[in-house]
Protein backbone atom coordinates (compact mmCIF):
# COMPACT_ATOMS: atom_id res chain seq x y z
CA MET A 1 -18.43 -28.72 29.36
CA ASP A 2 -16.81 -29.30 25.96
CA THR A 3 -20.09 -28.37 24.29
CA MET A 4 -20.18 -25.03 26.15
CA VAL A 5 -16.59 -24.25 25.13
CA LYS A 6 -17.35 -25.04 21.48
CA LYS A 7 -20.41 -22.80 21.56
CA ARG A 8 -18.38 -19.94 23.03
CA ARG A 9 -15.69 -20.35 20.39
CA LYS A 10 -18.28 -20.44 17.62
CA SER A 11 -20.05 -17.34 18.95
CA ALA A 12 -16.73 -15.50 19.24
CA LEU A 13 -15.81 -16.53 15.69
CA PHE A 14 -18.87 -14.82 14.21
CA ALA A 15 -19.19 -12.01 16.74
CA ILE A 16 -18.81 -8.47 15.44
CA ARG A 17 -15.21 -7.51 16.18
CA GLY A 18 -14.92 -10.62 18.31
CA ASP A 19 -11.46 -11.81 19.35
CA ILE A 20 -10.15 -15.06 17.93
CA SER A 21 -7.02 -16.99 18.79
CA ARG A 22 -3.80 -16.63 16.83
CA ARG A 23 -4.13 -20.28 15.84
CA THR A 24 -7.61 -19.71 14.36
CA TYR A 25 -6.42 -16.60 12.52
CA THR A 26 -3.44 -18.46 11.05
CA SER A 27 -5.61 -21.42 10.11
CA GLY A 28 -7.89 -19.09 8.13
CA VAL A 29 -4.95 -17.63 6.23
CA VAL A 30 -3.56 -21.08 5.42
CA LEU A 31 -7.00 -22.31 4.32
CA VAL A 32 -7.41 -19.49 1.82
CA VAL A 33 -3.92 -20.09 0.38
CA VAL A 34 -4.55 -23.85 0.09
CA ILE A 35 -7.91 -23.31 -1.67
CA ALA A 36 -6.34 -20.86 -4.13
CA MET A 37 -3.47 -23.26 -4.87
CA LEU A 38 -5.86 -26.18 -5.36
CA PHE A 39 -8.01 -24.16 -7.76
CA TRP A 40 -4.91 -23.07 -9.70
CA SER A 41 -3.58 -26.66 -9.78
CA VAL A 42 -6.86 -28.12 -11.02
CA LEU A 43 -7.08 -25.58 -13.85
CA SER A 44 -3.46 -25.94 -14.96
CA TYR A 45 -2.63 -29.62 -14.32
CA GLY A 46 -6.08 -30.66 -15.53
CA ASP A 47 -5.51 -28.80 -18.82
CA PHE A 48 -8.73 -26.85 -18.38
CA VAL A 49 -6.66 -23.80 -19.39
CA ASN A 50 -3.81 -23.94 -21.90
CA ARG A 51 -0.48 -23.86 -20.04
CA THR A 52 0.71 -21.13 -22.36
CA PHE A 53 -1.80 -18.87 -20.63
CA LEU A 54 -1.85 -20.46 -17.16
CA PRO A 55 1.42 -22.16 -16.15
CA THR A 56 1.43 -24.81 -13.47
CA PRO A 57 2.56 -23.94 -9.92
CA ASP A 58 5.78 -25.94 -10.31
CA GLN A 59 6.62 -24.05 -13.54
CA VAL A 60 6.25 -20.75 -11.71
CA LEU A 61 8.25 -22.04 -8.74
CA ARG A 62 11.09 -23.20 -11.00
CA GLN A 63 11.09 -19.88 -12.84
CA PHE A 64 11.12 -18.02 -9.50
CA ALA A 65 14.17 -20.03 -8.41
CA ILE A 66 15.91 -19.24 -11.71
CA GLN A 67 15.13 -15.52 -11.37
CA LEU A 68 16.40 -15.41 -7.78
CA GLN A 69 19.81 -16.51 -9.07
CA SER A 70 19.85 -13.82 -11.76
CA SER A 71 21.52 -10.46 -11.19
CA ILE A 72 19.17 -8.93 -13.78
CA PHE A 73 16.16 -9.86 -11.65
CA TRP A 74 17.68 -8.25 -8.55
CA ASN A 75 18.44 -5.15 -10.60
CA HIS A 76 14.74 -5.01 -11.56
CA VAL A 77 13.80 -5.38 -7.90
CA GLY A 78 16.20 -2.66 -6.78
CA ILE A 79 15.10 -0.08 -9.34
CA SER A 80 11.43 -0.76 -8.63
CA ILE A 81 11.99 -0.30 -4.89
CA PHE A 82 13.74 3.00 -5.63
CA ARG A 83 10.87 4.26 -7.81
CA VAL A 84 8.16 3.29 -5.33
CA GLY A 85 10.14 4.63 -2.37
CA ALA A 86 10.98 7.93 -4.06
CA GLY A 87 7.42 8.54 -5.25
CA PHE A 88 5.97 7.63 -1.85
CA LEU A 89 8.45 9.75 0.12
CA LEU A 90 7.91 12.74 -2.15
CA ALA A 91 4.15 12.39 -1.67
CA CYS A 92 4.64 12.23 2.11
CA LEU A 93 6.99 15.24 2.21
CA LEU A 94 4.37 17.39 0.48
CA GLY A 95 1.09 15.70 1.32
CA ILE A 96 1.47 15.30 5.09
CA PRO A 97 2.20 18.99 5.93
CA LEU A 98 -0.49 20.18 3.51
CA GLY A 99 -2.96 17.66 4.91
CA ILE A 100 -2.27 18.80 8.48
CA MET A 101 -2.76 22.41 7.39
CA ALA A 102 -6.05 21.58 5.64
CA GLY A 103 -7.30 19.69 8.69
CA THR A 104 -6.26 22.43 11.11
CA PHE A 105 -7.12 25.74 9.45
CA ARG A 106 -10.36 26.41 7.62
CA PHE A 107 -8.74 28.82 5.18
CA ALA A 108 -6.22 26.13 4.19
CA GLU A 109 -9.07 23.66 3.75
CA ALA A 110 -10.83 26.11 1.43
CA LEU A 111 -7.68 26.54 -0.66
CA LEU A 112 -6.49 22.92 -0.80
CA VAL A 113 -9.36 20.48 -0.44
CA PRO A 114 -11.72 21.44 -3.35
CA PRO A 115 -9.05 21.27 -6.11
CA THR A 116 -7.58 18.11 -4.57
CA GLU A 117 -11.03 16.49 -4.45
CA PHE A 118 -11.34 17.25 -8.16
CA ILE A 119 -7.89 16.07 -9.22
CA ARG A 120 -7.90 12.82 -7.23
CA TYR A 121 -10.52 11.34 -9.54
CA MET A 122 -8.22 11.75 -12.53
CA PRO A 123 -6.32 8.50 -13.19
CA ALA A 124 -2.54 8.77 -12.95
CA THR A 125 -2.25 7.15 -16.38
CA ALA A 126 -3.96 10.19 -17.91
CA PHE A 127 -1.02 12.33 -16.83
CA ILE A 128 1.62 10.17 -18.53
CA PRO A 129 1.70 12.15 -21.83
CA LEU A 130 2.11 15.41 -19.91
CA ILE A 131 4.75 13.90 -17.62
CA MET A 132 6.76 12.74 -20.63
CA VAL A 133 6.56 16.27 -22.09
CA TRP A 134 7.47 18.00 -18.83
CA ALA A 135 9.92 15.53 -17.25
CA GLY A 136 11.15 13.46 -20.20
CA ILE A 137 11.39 9.69 -20.04
CA GLY A 138 14.05 9.35 -17.32
CA GLU A 139 13.72 8.08 -13.77
CA TRP A 140 11.92 11.14 -12.48
CA ALA A 141 9.07 10.61 -14.94
CA LYS A 142 8.36 7.23 -13.34
CA VAL A 143 8.69 8.64 -9.83
CA ILE A 144 6.24 11.43 -10.68
CA VAL A 145 3.61 8.93 -11.88
CA ILE A 146 3.76 7.18 -8.51
CA PHE A 147 3.79 10.55 -6.72
CA ILE A 148 0.62 11.66 -8.54
CA GLY A 149 -1.07 8.35 -7.72
CA CYS A 150 -0.34 8.84 -4.00
CA PHE A 151 -0.20 12.57 -3.25
CA PHE A 152 -3.81 13.69 -3.66
CA GLN A 153 -5.28 10.72 -1.78
CA LEU A 154 -2.69 11.09 0.98
CA MET A 155 -3.35 14.79 1.51
CA LEU A 156 -7.11 14.30 1.89
CA MET A 157 -6.70 11.32 4.21
CA VAL A 158 -4.22 13.22 6.41
CA ALA A 159 -6.66 16.14 6.56
CA ASP A 160 -9.36 13.72 7.76
CA ASN A 161 -6.94 12.25 10.33
CA THR A 162 -6.22 15.74 11.61
CA ARG A 163 -9.90 16.67 11.86
CA SER A 164 -10.62 13.47 13.80
CA VAL A 165 -8.48 14.65 16.74
CA SER A 166 -10.84 15.58 19.55
CA ASN A 167 -11.58 19.30 19.73
CA ASP A 168 -11.99 18.93 23.51
CA LEU A 169 -8.34 17.88 23.69
CA LEU A 170 -7.27 21.03 21.86
CA GLN A 171 -9.48 23.29 24.00
CA THR A 172 -8.08 21.73 27.15
CA SER A 173 -4.58 22.58 25.93
CA TYR A 174 -5.59 26.20 25.47
CA THR A 175 -7.07 26.19 28.99
CA LEU A 176 -3.76 24.96 30.38
CA GLY A 177 -1.95 27.90 28.80
CA ALA A 178 -0.64 26.54 25.51
CA ASN A 179 -0.47 28.88 22.54
CA ARG A 180 -1.54 28.00 18.98
CA TRP A 181 1.77 26.52 17.83
CA GLN A 182 2.28 24.61 21.06
CA VAL A 183 -1.15 23.03 20.59
CA ILE A 184 -0.22 21.99 17.04
CA GLU A 185 3.26 20.76 17.92
CA ARG A 186 2.66 19.09 21.28
CA VAL A 187 -0.98 18.01 21.14
CA LEU A 188 -2.42 17.86 17.62
CA ILE A 189 0.45 16.18 15.78
CA PRO A 190 1.19 13.55 18.50
CA ALA A 191 -2.54 12.75 18.69
CA LEU A 192 -2.86 12.10 14.96
CA LEU A 193 0.34 10.05 14.58
CA PRO A 194 -1.30 6.58 15.00
CA ASP A 195 -3.90 7.32 12.32
CA LEU A 196 -1.23 8.96 10.18
CA MET A 197 0.87 5.80 10.21
CA ASN A 198 -2.14 3.73 9.18
CA THR A 199 -2.78 6.17 6.34
CA MET A 200 0.82 5.90 5.18
CA ARG A 201 0.49 2.12 5.32
CA LEU A 202 -2.48 2.29 2.95
CA ILE A 203 -0.79 4.74 0.60
CA ILE A 204 2.41 2.68 0.26
CA GLY A 205 0.15 -0.14 -0.96
CA TRP A 206 -1.24 2.16 -3.64
CA ALA A 207 2.30 3.15 -4.58
CA TRP A 208 3.10 -0.49 -5.37
CA THR A 209 -0.06 -0.80 -7.48
CA TYR A 210 1.07 2.18 -9.59
CA LEU A 211 4.49 0.63 -10.25
CA VAL A 212 3.57 -1.17 -13.48
CA VAL A 213 1.83 1.97 -14.75
CA ALA A 214 4.90 4.07 -13.96
CA GLU A 215 7.17 1.64 -15.76
CA LEU A 216 5.17 2.03 -18.96
CA VAL A 217 7.02 5.34 -19.39
CA ALA A 218 9.84 4.16 -21.69
CA ALA A 219 11.31 1.89 -19.02
CA SER A 220 14.15 -0.53 -19.68
CA SER A 221 14.29 -1.98 -16.18
CA GLY A 222 12.06 -2.72 -13.21
CA LEU A 223 9.58 -5.43 -12.31
CA GLY A 224 6.83 -3.75 -14.31
CA PHE A 225 9.07 -3.66 -17.36
CA SER A 226 9.96 -7.34 -16.92
CA ILE A 227 6.24 -8.21 -16.74
CA MET A 228 5.47 -6.28 -19.93
CA LYS A 229 8.47 -7.81 -21.70
CA ALA A 230 7.38 -11.32 -20.71
CA GLN A 231 3.86 -10.56 -21.97
CA ARG A 232 5.19 -9.78 -25.44
CA PHE A 233 6.73 -13.26 -25.68
CA LEU A 234 3.89 -15.06 -23.83
CA ASN A 235 6.26 -16.09 -21.03
CA THR A 236 3.41 -16.32 -18.54
CA ASP A 237 5.52 -18.03 -15.89
CA GLN A 238 7.76 -14.93 -15.82
CA ILE A 239 4.66 -12.74 -15.61
CA PHE A 240 3.55 -14.70 -12.55
CA VAL A 241 7.02 -14.33 -11.02
CA GLY A 242 6.94 -10.56 -11.51
CA ILE A 243 3.44 -10.26 -10.05
CA ILE A 244 4.34 -12.44 -7.06
CA ALA A 245 7.55 -10.46 -6.49
CA ILE A 246 5.61 -7.18 -6.41
CA GLY A 247 3.07 -8.76 -4.05
CA LEU A 248 5.79 -10.00 -1.69
CA LEU A 249 7.54 -6.61 -1.66
CA GLY A 250 4.22 -4.89 -0.99
CA LEU A 251 3.44 -7.35 1.80
CA LEU A 252 6.88 -6.74 3.32
CA THR A 253 6.33 -2.97 3.42
CA ASP A 254 2.82 -3.46 4.83
CA ARG A 255 4.09 -5.72 7.59
CA THR A 256 6.88 -3.24 8.35
CA PHE A 257 4.34 -0.46 8.88
CA ALA A 258 2.15 -2.80 10.96
CA TYR A 259 5.14 -3.72 13.15
CA CYS A 260 6.10 -0.04 13.59
CA HIS A 261 2.52 0.77 14.54
CA ARG A 262 2.54 -1.90 17.25
CA ARG A 263 6.02 -0.86 18.37
CA PHE A 264 5.38 2.89 18.59
CA PHE A 265 1.74 2.80 19.78
CA PRO A 266 1.44 -0.37 21.90
CA TRP A 267 -1.45 1.07 23.94
CA LEU A 268 -3.79 1.13 20.93
CA GLU A 269 -6.23 -1.74 20.64
CA GLY A 270 -6.10 -3.69 17.40
CA GLY A 271 -2.89 -2.09 16.10
CA ARG A 272 -2.00 -4.83 13.62
């Protein structure tokens, strides 16, 4: 009997989209973290890499504790959250309506999608000289870098989300007497909301990855600035702290979106 249970568990573990227990899932996460920490510890404590370039885990932990007690560190965190949040929200305010339009009306798709497809392949860093000329070197310059990194991808993904709504659903609404705007407002938009939230969850991750790039624009604060400042003085433990802080903030926003997805759309399977 035990052999049969083990075989079932093993088959479920390697089944395509097979369900696994919460305990197994957690064990996998812990295993990856432990392996990464062991590899890091061997390289640093074993002096395989100079500690100037790869600090030990306890050095990073001590530096993290020191930074958590510093008001300057929390100021860096706050300004970085503002820049990421402002750039992301601005991208959503413009990209979501335009994406819905492009996914709903063919004429809007013809106007919006081809130029957006072209521009999205241009790296946001290439726009920095123009942004500094047009917007100066203040806060809005940094927000615009993050906005550019998010907007074009977001608009195209929202357009795809909109097009993925079943056409049969829309035609049924017309059959029941709804007019064009009622179909958009009461059928199309509610139907795309789950996918839209997943898209926003992906884009906020990209916004965090553009933070360091944005803070290259004459910044004097922010986590990206603190990382670049530490690099100049080879304070690699502070670099690790900055990177880990950005990762934790990104993970927090990701988990927030995942929780909201489960909370608002509990009927959807696999809404993590």
